[in-house]
Amino acid sequence: MHVIIHLHVFMNILHLISSKKEESPKIQKLKESCKDTATCPVSFPKDELRERLTPIQYKVTQEKGTERAFSGEYNKHNEEGSYRCVVCGNRIFTSEDKYNSQCGWPAFSNVLSQEAVTLADDTSHGAKRVEVKCADCKAHLGHVFDDGPKPTGVRFCVNSAALKFKKETTV
């Protein structure tokens, strides 16, 4: 219990610090290159989504929730394949770009294509972050930070509940 409390306090401190920083050039460049948020080709009725998704999947993707750190099924997942939006099936990440950032959520150094996601400013919880959404259905996936490995230098921190894995031998 103490570890969870300390982790929560640490995350809040990090968010407060990051909210004071200006957006890094890496994140600015990434936001410029990602698909415009004006269109949404895939839409589902909320009632259908409530029936089809688990409560945590619905909370994360439709209400911008977050699963508990280290609780998601894909946090330590290492199979070869692709990670898709749980709502619409859009291919977003591959196992080639997944790495262990030790942040408690699946982390990826890149997206499958810049058109797979949209990015938006997120100032919720008193922090300035960049939200990552599925470009096809606008489901909330997680956030992107500028502390990732080279060559991209970014870390897509994504909720497992927003993803569906498809095993593939060649991605």
N, C-alpha and C. Protein backbone atom coordinates (compact mmCIF):
# COMPACT_ATOMS: atom_id res chain seq x y z
N MET A 1 0.82 -1.19 0.00
CA MET A 1 0.00 0.00 0.00
C MET A 1 0.87 1.25 0.00
N HIS A 2 1.96 1.22 0.79
CA HIS A 2 2.85 2.38 0.86
C HIS A 2 3.51 2.63 -0.49
N VAL A 3 3.84 1.57 -1.21
CA VAL A 3 4.46 1.71 -2.53
C VAL A 3 3.52 2.41 -3.48
N ILE A 4 2.24 2.05 -3.45
CA ILE A 4 1.24 2.66 -4.32
C ILE A 4 1.09 4.14 -3.99
N ILE A 5 1.05 4.46 -2.71
CA ILE A 5 0.92 5.85 -2.30
C ILE A 5 2.14 6.64 -2.74
N HIS A 6 3.34 6.08 -2.53
CA HIS A 6 4.56 6.76 -2.95
C HIS A 6 4.60 6.94 -4.46
N LEU A 7 4.19 5.93 -5.20
CA LEU A 7 4.15 6.02 -6.67
C LEU A 7 3.19 7.12 -7.10
N HIS A 8 2.03 7.17 -6.46
CA HIS A 8 1.03 8.19 -6.80
C HIS A 8 1.57 9.60 -6.50
N VAL A 9 2.21 9.77 -5.36
CA VAL A 9 2.80 11.07 -5.00
C VAL A 9 3.90 11.43 -6.00
N PHE A 10 4.75 10.49 -6.33
CA PHE A 10 5.82 10.72 -7.29
C PHE A 10 5.27 11.13 -8.66
N MET A 11 4.22 10.44 -9.12
CA MET A 11 3.62 10.77 -10.41
C MET A 11 3.03 12.17 -10.38
N ASN A 12 2.38 12.56 -9.27
CA ASN A 12 1.82 13.91 -9.16
C ASN A 12 2.92 14.96 -9.19
N ILE A 13 4.03 14.69 -8.53
CA ILE A 13 5.16 15.63 -8.56
C ILE A 13 5.69 15.75 -9.98
N LEU A 14 5.86 14.62 -10.64
CA LEU A 14 6.33 14.65 -12.04
C LEU A 14 5.39 15.45 -12.92
N HIS A 15 4.10 15.26 -12.76
CA HIS A 15 3.12 15.99 -13.57
C HIS A 15 3.20 17.49 -13.29
N LEU A 16 3.37 17.87 -12.02
CA LEU A 16 3.48 19.29 -11.70
C LEU A 16 4.73 19.90 -12.31
N ILE A 17 5.83 19.16 -12.25
CA ILE A 17 7.06 19.65 -12.86
C ILE A 17 6.90 19.77 -14.36
N SER A 18 6.33 18.73 -14.98
CA SER A 18 6.18 18.75 -16.44
C SER A 18 5.18 19.81 -16.89
N SER A 19 4.23 20.17 -16.04
CA SER A 19 3.24 21.18 -16.44
C SER A 19 3.87 22.56 -16.53
N LYS A 20 4.99 22.76 -15.88
CA LYS A 20 5.67 24.05 -15.91
C LYS A 20 6.60 24.16 -17.12
N LYS A 21 6.99 23.04 -17.68
CA LYS A 21 7.90 23.04 -18.82
C LYS A 21 7.18 23.42 -20.10
N GLU A 22 7.93 24.02 -21.00
CA GLU A 22 7.39 24.25 -22.33
C GLU A 22 7.47 22.93 -23.08
N GLU A 23 6.63 22.80 -24.07
CA GLU A 23 6.60 21.58 -24.87
C GLU A 23 7.93 21.43 -25.61
N SER A 24 8.50 20.24 -25.56
CA SER A 24 9.81 20.03 -26.18
C SER A 24 9.69 20.05 -27.70
N PRO A 25 10.78 20.35 -28.38
CA PRO A 25 10.77 20.33 -29.85
C PRO A 25 10.39 18.97 -30.43
N LYS A 26 10.77 17.88 -29.74
CA LYS A 26 10.42 16.53 -30.21
C LYS A 26 8.91 16.35 -30.27
N ILE A 27 8.24 16.77 -29.18
CA ILE A 27 6.79 16.64 -29.12
C ILE A 27 6.13 17.59 -30.11
N GLN A 28 6.63 18.81 -30.23
CA GLN A 28 6.07 19.76 -31.20
C GLN A 28 6.14 19.19 -32.61
N LYS A 29 7.29 18.63 -32.97
CA LYS A 29 7.47 18.06 -34.31
C LYS A 29 6.53 16.88 -34.52
N LEU A 30 6.40 16.04 -33.50
CA LEU A 30 5.51 14.89 -33.60
C LEU A 30 4.07 15.34 -33.78
N LYS A 31 3.63 16.35 -33.03
CA LYS A 31 2.27 16.85 -33.15
C LYS A 31 2.00 17.40 -34.55
N GLU A 32 2.97 18.08 -35.13
CA GLU A 32 2.81 18.63 -36.47
C GLU A 32 2.70 17.54 -37.52
N SER A 33 3.39 16.42 -37.29
CA SER A 33 3.40 15.36 -38.30
C SER A 33 2.22 14.41 -38.21
N CYS A 34 1.52 14.39 -37.07
CA CYS A 34 0.39 13.47 -36.91
C CYS A 34 -0.86 14.03 -37.57
N LYS A 35 -1.74 13.13 -37.91
CA LYS A 35 -2.98 13.43 -38.63
C LYS A 35 -3.82 14.51 -37.95
N ASP A 36 -4.43 15.33 -38.72
CA ASP A 36 -5.33 16.38 -38.23
C ASP A 36 -6.49 15.74 -37.46
N THR A 37 -6.91 16.38 -36.39
CA THR A 37 -7.98 15.81 -35.55
C THR A 37 -9.38 16.17 -36.02
N ALA A 38 -9.51 16.82 -37.18
CA ALA A 38 -10.83 17.30 -37.62
C ALA A 38 -11.77 16.20 -38.10
N THR A 39 -11.25 15.08 -38.53
CA THR A 39 -12.13 14.03 -39.07
C THR A 39 -12.13 12.81 -38.17
N CYS A 40 -13.20 12.08 -38.23
CA CYS A 40 -13.31 10.85 -37.45
C CYS A 40 -14.12 9.85 -38.27
N PRO A 41 -13.45 9.05 -39.10
CA PRO A 41 -14.17 8.17 -40.01
C PRO A 41 -14.94 7.02 -39.37
N VAL A 42 -14.59 6.63 -38.15
CA VAL A 42 -15.25 5.50 -37.51
C VAL A 42 -15.97 6.00 -36.25
N SER A 43 -17.24 5.64 -36.13
CA SER A 43 -18.01 6.06 -34.97
C SER A 43 -18.88 4.90 -34.51
N PHE A 44 -19.02 4.76 -33.19
CA PHE A 44 -19.83 3.69 -32.62
C PHE A 44 -20.79 4.29 -31.61
N PRO A 45 -22.03 3.80 -31.56
CA PRO A 45 -22.95 4.26 -30.51
C PRO A 45 -22.42 3.90 -29.12
N LYS A 46 -22.57 4.80 -28.19
CA LYS A 46 -22.08 4.58 -26.82
C LYS A 46 -22.67 3.32 -26.19
N ASP A 47 -23.95 3.04 -26.46
CA ASP A 47 -24.57 1.83 -25.91
C ASP A 47 -23.88 0.57 -26.42
N GLU A 48 -23.54 0.56 -27.70
CA GLU A 48 -22.84 -0.59 -28.27
C GLU A 48 -21.48 -0.76 -27.61
N LEU A 49 -20.77 0.34 -27.40
CA LEU A 49 -19.46 0.27 -26.78
C LEU A 49 -19.55 -0.21 -25.34
N ARG A 50 -20.56 0.21 -24.62
CA ARG A 50 -20.73 -0.25 -23.23
C ARG A 50 -20.95 -1.76 -23.16
N GLU A 51 -21.64 -2.30 -24.16
CA GLU A 51 -21.88 -3.74 -24.21
C GLU A 51 -20.64 -4.51 -24.65
N ARG A 52 -19.92 -3.96 -25.62
CA ARG A 52 -18.79 -4.66 -26.23
C ARG A 52 -17.50 -4.58 -25.43
N LEU A 53 -17.27 -3.45 -24.78
CA LEU A 53 -16.03 -3.25 -24.05
C LEU A 53 -16.20 -3.60 -22.57
N THR A 54 -15.09 -3.95 -21.93
CA THR A 54 -15.12 -4.15 -20.48
C THR A 54 -15.26 -2.77 -19.82
N PRO A 55 -15.64 -2.73 -18.56
CA PRO A 55 -15.76 -1.43 -17.89
C PRO A 55 -14.47 -0.60 -17.93
N ILE A 56 -13.31 -1.23 -17.74
CA ILE A 56 -12.05 -0.47 -17.77
C ILE A 56 -11.73 -0.02 -19.20
N GLN A 57 -12.02 -0.84 -20.21
CA GLN A 57 -11.80 -0.43 -21.59
C GLN A 57 -12.66 0.78 -21.94
N TYR A 58 -13.90 0.76 -21.50
CA TYR A 58 -14.80 1.88 -21.78
C TYR A 58 -14.31 3.14 -21.05
N LYS A 59 -13.98 3.00 -19.77
CA LYS A 59 -13.52 4.15 -18.98
C LYS A 59 -12.27 4.78 -19.61
N VAL A 60 -11.32 3.96 -20.03
CA VAL A 60 -10.07 4.47 -20.61
C VAL A 60 -10.32 5.11 -21.97
N THR A 61 -10.97 4.39 -22.87
CA THR A 61 -11.09 4.87 -24.26
C THR A 61 -12.13 5.95 -24.46
N GLN A 62 -13.21 5.92 -23.69
CA GLN A 62 -14.31 6.87 -23.91
C GLN A 62 -14.36 8.01 -22.90
N GLU A 63 -13.77 7.77 -21.72
CA GLU A 63 -13.83 8.78 -20.66
C GLU A 63 -12.44 9.28 -20.26
N LYS A 64 -11.44 8.92 -21.05
CA LYS A 64 -10.04 9.35 -20.82
C LYS A 64 -9.52 8.92 -19.46
N GLY A 65 -9.91 7.72 -19.05
CA GLY A 65 -9.43 7.18 -17.79
C GLY A 65 -8.04 6.59 -17.93
N THR A 66 -7.52 6.11 -16.82
CA THR A 66 -6.20 5.48 -16.80
C THR A 66 -6.28 4.24 -15.93
N GLU A 67 -5.74 3.15 -16.42
CA GLU A 67 -5.67 1.95 -15.60
C GLU A 67 -4.54 2.12 -14.57
N ARG A 68 -4.61 1.37 -13.50
CA ARG A 68 -3.57 1.43 -12.47
C ARG A 68 -2.22 1.02 -13.06
N ALA A 69 -1.17 1.67 -12.61
CA ALA A 69 0.18 1.32 -13.05
C ALA A 69 0.47 -0.14 -12.75
N PHE A 70 1.16 -0.79 -13.67
CA PHE A 70 1.60 -2.18 -13.57
C PHE A 70 0.46 -3.20 -13.54
N SER A 71 -0.77 -2.79 -13.88
CA SER A 71 -1.90 -3.70 -13.82
C SER A 71 -2.34 -4.21 -15.19
N GLY A 72 -1.89 -3.58 -16.26
CA GLY A 72 -2.37 -3.91 -17.60
C GLY A 72 -1.76 -5.19 -18.16
N GLU A 73 -2.54 -5.88 -18.98
CA GLU A 73 -2.08 -7.17 -19.51
C GLU A 73 -0.92 -7.04 -20.49
N TYR A 74 -0.70 -5.87 -21.08
CA TYR A 74 0.38 -5.72 -22.06
C TYR A 74 1.61 -5.01 -21.51
N ASN A 75 1.62 -4.69 -20.23
CA ASN A 75 2.76 -4.00 -19.64
C ASN A 75 4.05 -4.80 -19.84
N LYS A 76 4.02 -6.08 -19.58
CA LYS A 76 5.22 -6.92 -19.73
C LYS A 76 5.05 -7.94 -20.86
N HIS A 77 4.24 -7.61 -21.81
CA HIS A 77 3.94 -8.48 -22.95
C HIS A 77 5.05 -8.37 -23.98
N ASN A 78 5.54 -9.52 -24.48
CA ASN A 78 6.68 -9.48 -25.40
C ASN A 78 6.51 -10.31 -26.67
N GLU A 79 5.30 -10.68 -27.01
CA GLU A 79 5.10 -11.46 -28.23
C GLU A 79 5.25 -10.59 -29.47
N GLU A 80 5.54 -11.23 -30.59
CA GLU A 80 5.68 -10.52 -31.86
C GLU A 80 4.31 -10.31 -32.49
N GLY A 81 4.02 -9.07 -32.86
CA GLY A 81 2.74 -8.78 -33.47
C GLY A 81 2.44 -7.30 -33.46
N SER A 82 1.16 -6.98 -33.58
CA SER A 82 0.75 -5.58 -33.61
C SER A 82 -0.27 -5.30 -32.51
N TYR A 83 -0.27 -4.07 -32.08
CA TYR A 83 -1.19 -3.59 -31.06
C TYR A 83 -2.18 -2.68 -31.76
N ARG A 84 -3.46 -2.99 -31.59
CA ARG A 84 -4.53 -2.29 -32.28
C ARG A 84 -5.44 -1.59 -31.29
N CYS A 85 -6.16 -0.61 -31.80
CA CYS A 85 -7.16 0.07 -30.98
C CYS A 85 -8.24 -0.94 -30.59
N VAL A 86 -8.57 -1.04 -29.32
CA VAL A 86 -9.57 -2.01 -28.85
C VAL A 86 -10.96 -1.65 -29.35
N VAL A 87 -11.19 -0.38 -29.69
CA VAL A 87 -12.51 0.06 -30.13
C VAL A 87 -12.75 -0.26 -31.60
N CYS A 88 -11.79 0.10 -32.48
CA CYS A 88 -12.04 -0.03 -33.92
C CYS A 88 -11.10 -0.97 -34.66
N GLY A 89 -10.03 -1.43 -34.02
CA GLY A 89 -9.11 -2.36 -34.67
C GLY A 89 -7.99 -1.71 -35.47
N ASN A 90 -7.91 -0.39 -35.46
CA ASN A 90 -6.85 0.32 -36.17
C ASN A 90 -5.48 -0.13 -35.66
N ARG A 91 -4.58 -0.53 -36.59
CA ARG A 91 -3.21 -0.91 -36.21
C ARG A 91 -2.45 0.34 -35.82
N ILE A 92 -1.91 0.35 -34.60
CA ILE A 92 -1.25 1.56 -34.10
C ILE A 92 0.21 1.34 -33.77
N PHE A 93 0.54 0.26 -33.09
CA PHE A 93 1.92 -0.01 -32.68
C PHE A 93 2.32 -1.42 -33.09
N THR A 94 3.64 -1.64 -33.16
CA THR A 94 4.14 -3.00 -33.38
C THR A 94 5.05 -3.39 -32.22
N SER A 95 5.25 -4.68 -32.09
CA SER A 95 6.12 -5.18 -31.02
C SER A 95 7.56 -4.72 -31.22
N GLU A 96 7.94 -4.40 -32.44
CA GLU A 96 9.30 -3.92 -32.71
C GLU A 96 9.59 -2.61 -31.99
N ASP A 97 8.57 -1.80 -31.75
CA ASP A 97 8.75 -0.49 -31.11
C ASP A 97 8.40 -0.50 -29.63
N LYS A 98 8.02 -1.66 -29.09
CA LYS A 98 7.66 -1.76 -27.67
C LYS A 98 8.93 -1.97 -26.86
N TYR A 99 8.99 -1.31 -25.72
CA TYR A 99 10.15 -1.49 -24.84
C TYR A 99 9.72 -1.34 -23.39
N ASN A 100 10.57 -1.76 -22.48
CA ASN A 100 10.26 -1.68 -21.06
C ASN A 100 10.78 -0.36 -20.50
N SER A 101 9.90 0.61 -20.34
CA SER A 101 10.29 1.91 -19.80
C SER A 101 10.20 1.93 -18.28
N GLN A 102 9.65 0.88 -17.70
CA GLN A 102 9.44 0.75 -16.26
C GLN A 102 8.51 1.83 -15.71
N CYS A 103 7.61 2.34 -16.57
CA CYS A 103 6.67 3.37 -16.13
C CYS A 103 5.37 2.76 -15.61
N GLY A 104 5.15 1.47 -15.87
CA GLY A 104 3.93 0.82 -15.38
C GLY A 104 2.87 0.60 -16.44
N TRP A 105 3.10 1.13 -17.63
CA TRP A 105 2.18 0.97 -18.75
C TRP A 105 2.98 0.55 -19.98
N PRO A 106 2.36 -0.08 -20.96
CA PRO A 106 3.09 -0.40 -22.19
C PRO A 106 3.69 0.87 -22.79
N ALA A 107 4.94 0.77 -23.22
CA ALA A 107 5.62 1.93 -23.80
C ALA A 107 6.12 1.58 -25.19
N PHE A 108 5.97 2.51 -26.10
CA PHE A 108 6.40 2.34 -27.48
C PHE A 108 7.23 3.55 -27.89
N SER A 109 8.26 3.31 -28.68
CA SER A 109 9.12 4.41 -29.13
C SER A 109 8.62 5.05 -30.41
N ASN A 110 7.62 4.43 -31.05
CA ASN A 110 7.09 4.98 -32.28
C ASN A 110 5.71 4.38 -32.56
N VAL A 111 4.99 5.00 -33.47
CA VAL A 111 3.72 4.48 -33.95
C VAL A 111 3.95 3.79 -35.27
N LEU A 112 3.02 2.93 -35.68
CA LEU A 112 3.14 2.24 -36.95
C LEU A 112 3.22 3.23 -38.11
N SER A 113 2.35 4.24 -38.06
CA SER A 113 2.41 5.35 -39.02
C SER A 113 1.87 6.60 -38.34
N GLN A 114 2.31 7.75 -38.78
CA GLN A 114 1.85 9.00 -38.19
C GLN A 114 0.35 9.17 -38.35
N GLU A 115 -0.23 8.55 -39.37
CA GLU A 115 -1.67 8.65 -39.61
C GLU A 115 -2.49 7.79 -38.68
N ALA A 116 -1.85 6.93 -37.89
CA ALA A 116 -2.58 6.02 -37.00
C ALA A 116 -3.11 6.71 -35.75
N VAL A 117 -2.50 7.84 -35.38
CA VAL A 117 -2.89 8.54 -34.15
C VAL A 117 -3.07 10.03 -34.39
N THR A 118 -3.79 10.65 -33.47
CA THR A 118 -3.84 12.11 -33.40
C THR A 118 -3.34 12.50 -32.02
N LEU A 119 -2.82 13.69 -31.92
CA LEU A 119 -2.29 14.19 -30.66
C LEU A 119 -3.04 15.46 -30.30
N ALA A 120 -3.28 15.61 -29.00
CA ALA A 120 -4.00 16.80 -28.53
C ALA A 120 -3.45 17.22 -27.18
N ASP A 121 -3.45 18.51 -26.92
CA ASP A 121 -3.04 19.01 -25.61
C ASP A 121 -4.00 18.50 -24.55
N ASP A 122 -3.45 18.12 -23.41
CA ASP A 122 -4.24 17.63 -22.29
C ASP A 122 -3.75 18.34 -21.04
N THR A 123 -4.62 19.15 -20.46
CA THR A 123 -4.25 19.89 -19.25
C THR A 123 -5.03 19.39 -18.02
N SER A 124 -5.57 18.18 -18.13
CA SER A 124 -6.31 17.61 -16.99
C SER A 124 -5.34 17.28 -15.86
N HIS A 125 -5.86 17.16 -14.67
CA HIS A 125 -5.10 16.77 -13.47
C HIS A 125 -3.98 17.76 -13.17
N GLY A 126 -4.10 19.00 -13.61
CA GLY A 126 -3.11 20.01 -13.28
C GLY A 126 -1.77 19.86 -13.98
N ALA A 127 -1.73 19.08 -15.03
CA ALA A 127 -0.47 18.86 -15.74
C ALA A 127 -0.66 19.15 -17.22
N LYS A 128 0.42 19.57 -17.87
CA LYS A 128 0.37 19.76 -19.32
C LYS A 128 1.00 18.54 -19.98
N ARG A 129 0.16 17.79 -20.68
CA ARG A 129 0.62 16.58 -21.36
C ARG A 129 0.08 16.58 -22.77
N VAL A 130 0.51 15.58 -23.54
CA VAL A 130 0.01 15.43 -24.90
C VAL A 130 -0.71 14.08 -24.98
N GLU A 131 -2.01 14.15 -25.22
CA GLU A 131 -2.85 12.96 -25.31
C GLU A 131 -2.67 12.30 -26.67
N VAL A 132 -2.69 10.96 -26.66
CA VAL A 132 -2.63 10.17 -27.89
C VAL A 132 -4.00 9.53 -28.08
N LYS A 133 -4.58 9.73 -29.28
CA LYS A 133 -5.89 9.15 -29.59
C LYS A 133 -5.80 8.36 -30.89
N CYS A 134 -6.64 7.37 -31.03
CA CYS A 134 -6.76 6.63 -32.28
C CYS A 134 -7.28 7.60 -33.34
N ALA A 135 -6.61 7.63 -34.48
CA ALA A 135 -7.02 8.55 -35.54
C ALA A 135 -8.35 8.16 -36.16
N ASP A 136 -8.68 6.88 -36.13
CA ASP A 136 -9.92 6.44 -36.78
C ASP A 136 -11.17 6.65 -35.94
N CYS A 137 -11.10 6.40 -34.65
CA CYS A 137 -12.32 6.49 -33.83
C CYS A 137 -12.21 7.46 -32.66
N LYS A 138 -11.05 8.06 -32.49
CA LYS A 138 -10.79 9.05 -31.44
C LYS A 138 -10.78 8.48 -30.03
N ALA A 139 -10.59 7.17 -29.90
CA ALA A 139 -10.48 6.57 -28.57
C ALA A 139 -9.21 7.06 -27.89
N HIS A 140 -9.31 7.36 -26.61
CA HIS A 140 -8.15 7.76 -25.82
C HIS A 140 -7.25 6.53 -25.64
N LEU A 141 -5.96 6.69 -25.93
CA LEU A 141 -5.01 5.60 -25.78
C LEU A 141 -4.06 5.82 -24.60
N GLY A 142 -3.59 7.04 -24.46
CA GLY A 142 -2.62 7.36 -23.41
C GLY A 142 -2.00 8.72 -23.69
N HIS A 143 -0.69 8.83 -23.43
CA HIS A 143 0.02 10.09 -23.61
C HIS A 143 1.39 9.84 -24.22
N VAL A 144 1.97 10.88 -24.78
CA VAL A 144 3.32 10.79 -25.34
C VAL A 144 4.22 11.77 -24.60
N PHE A 145 5.45 11.31 -24.30
CA PHE A 145 6.42 12.11 -23.56
C PHE A 145 7.73 12.15 -24.33
N ASP A 146 8.57 13.09 -24.00
CA ASP A 146 9.82 13.26 -24.74
C ASP A 146 11.03 12.63 -24.05
N ASP A 147 10.80 11.55 -23.31
CA ASP A 147 11.89 10.89 -22.59
C ASP A 147 12.14 9.47 -23.09
N GLY A 148 11.85 9.22 -24.36
CA GLY A 148 12.00 7.88 -24.92
C GLY A 148 13.39 7.62 -25.47
N PRO A 149 13.60 6.40 -25.93
CA PRO A 149 14.92 6.02 -26.46
C PRO A 149 15.16 6.62 -27.86
N LYS A 150 16.41 6.64 -28.24
CA LYS A 150 16.78 7.08 -29.59
C LYS A 150 16.36 6.00 -30.56
N PRO A 151 16.06 6.26 -31.79
CA PRO A 151 16.28 7.54 -32.46
C PRO A 151 15.11 8.52 -32.31
N THR A 152 13.93 8.09 -31.86
CA THR A 152 12.77 8.99 -31.83
C THR A 152 12.81 9.94 -30.64
N GLY A 153 13.29 9.46 -29.50
CA GLY A 153 13.33 10.28 -28.30
C GLY A 153 11.97 10.47 -27.64
N VAL A 154 10.95 9.74 -28.11
CA VAL A 154 9.63 9.86 -27.52
C VAL A 154 9.18 8.52 -26.93
N ARG A 155 8.28 8.63 -25.94
CA ARG A 155 7.71 7.45 -25.30
C ARG A 155 6.20 7.57 -25.35
N PHE A 156 5.57 6.66 -26.09
CA PHE A 156 4.11 6.57 -26.10
C PHE A 156 3.75 5.68 -24.92
N CYS A 157 3.15 6.27 -23.91
CA CYS A 157 2.75 5.57 -22.69
C CYS A 157 1.26 5.27 -22.83
N VAL A 158 0.92 4.00 -23.03
CA VAL A 158 -0.42 3.62 -23.47
C VAL A 158 -1.07 2.67 -22.48
N ASN A 159 -2.35 2.84 -22.27
CA ASN A 159 -3.12 1.93 -21.42
C ASN A 159 -3.33 0.59 -22.14
N SER A 160 -3.05 -0.50 -21.45
CA SER A 160 -3.34 -1.82 -22.02
C SER A 160 -4.81 -1.96 -22.39
N ALA A 161 -5.67 -1.36 -21.58
CA ALA A 161 -7.11 -1.46 -21.79
C ALA A 161 -7.54 -0.83 -23.11
N ALA A 162 -6.70 0.02 -23.70
CA ALA A 162 -7.03 0.66 -24.97
C ALA A 162 -6.54 -0.15 -26.17
N LEU A 163 -5.84 -1.25 -25.88
CA LEU A 163 -5.21 -2.02 -26.95
C LEU A 163 -5.76 -3.44 -27.06
N LYS A 164 -5.61 -3.98 -28.25
CA LYS A 164 -5.89 -5.38 -28.51
C LYS A 164 -4.71 -5.89 -29.30
N PHE A 165 -4.10 -6.97 -28.84
CA PHE A 165 -2.91 -7.50 -29.49
C PHE A 165 -3.27 -8.54 -30.53
N LYS A 166 -2.60 -8.49 -31.65
CA LYS A 166 -2.77 -9.53 -32.68
C LYS A 166 -1.40 -10.11 -32.98
N LYS A 167 -1.28 -11.41 -32.71
CA LYS A 167 -0.01 -12.09 -32.94
C LYS A 167 0.24 -12.19 -34.44
N GLU A 168 1.44 -11.79 -34.83
CA GLU A 168 1.84 -11.84 -36.24
C GLU A 168 3.30 -12.20 -36.28
N THR A 169 3.70 -12.97 -37.28
CA THR A 169 5.11 -13.34 -37.40
C THR A 169 5.89 -12.26 -38.14
N THR A 170 5.25 -11.54 -39.02
CA THR A 170 5.90 -10.39 -39.67
C THR A 170 4.97 -9.20 -39.55
N VAL A 171 5.45 -8.18 -38.91
CA VAL A 171 4.64 -6.98 -38.70
C VAL A 171 5.07 -5.98 -39.69
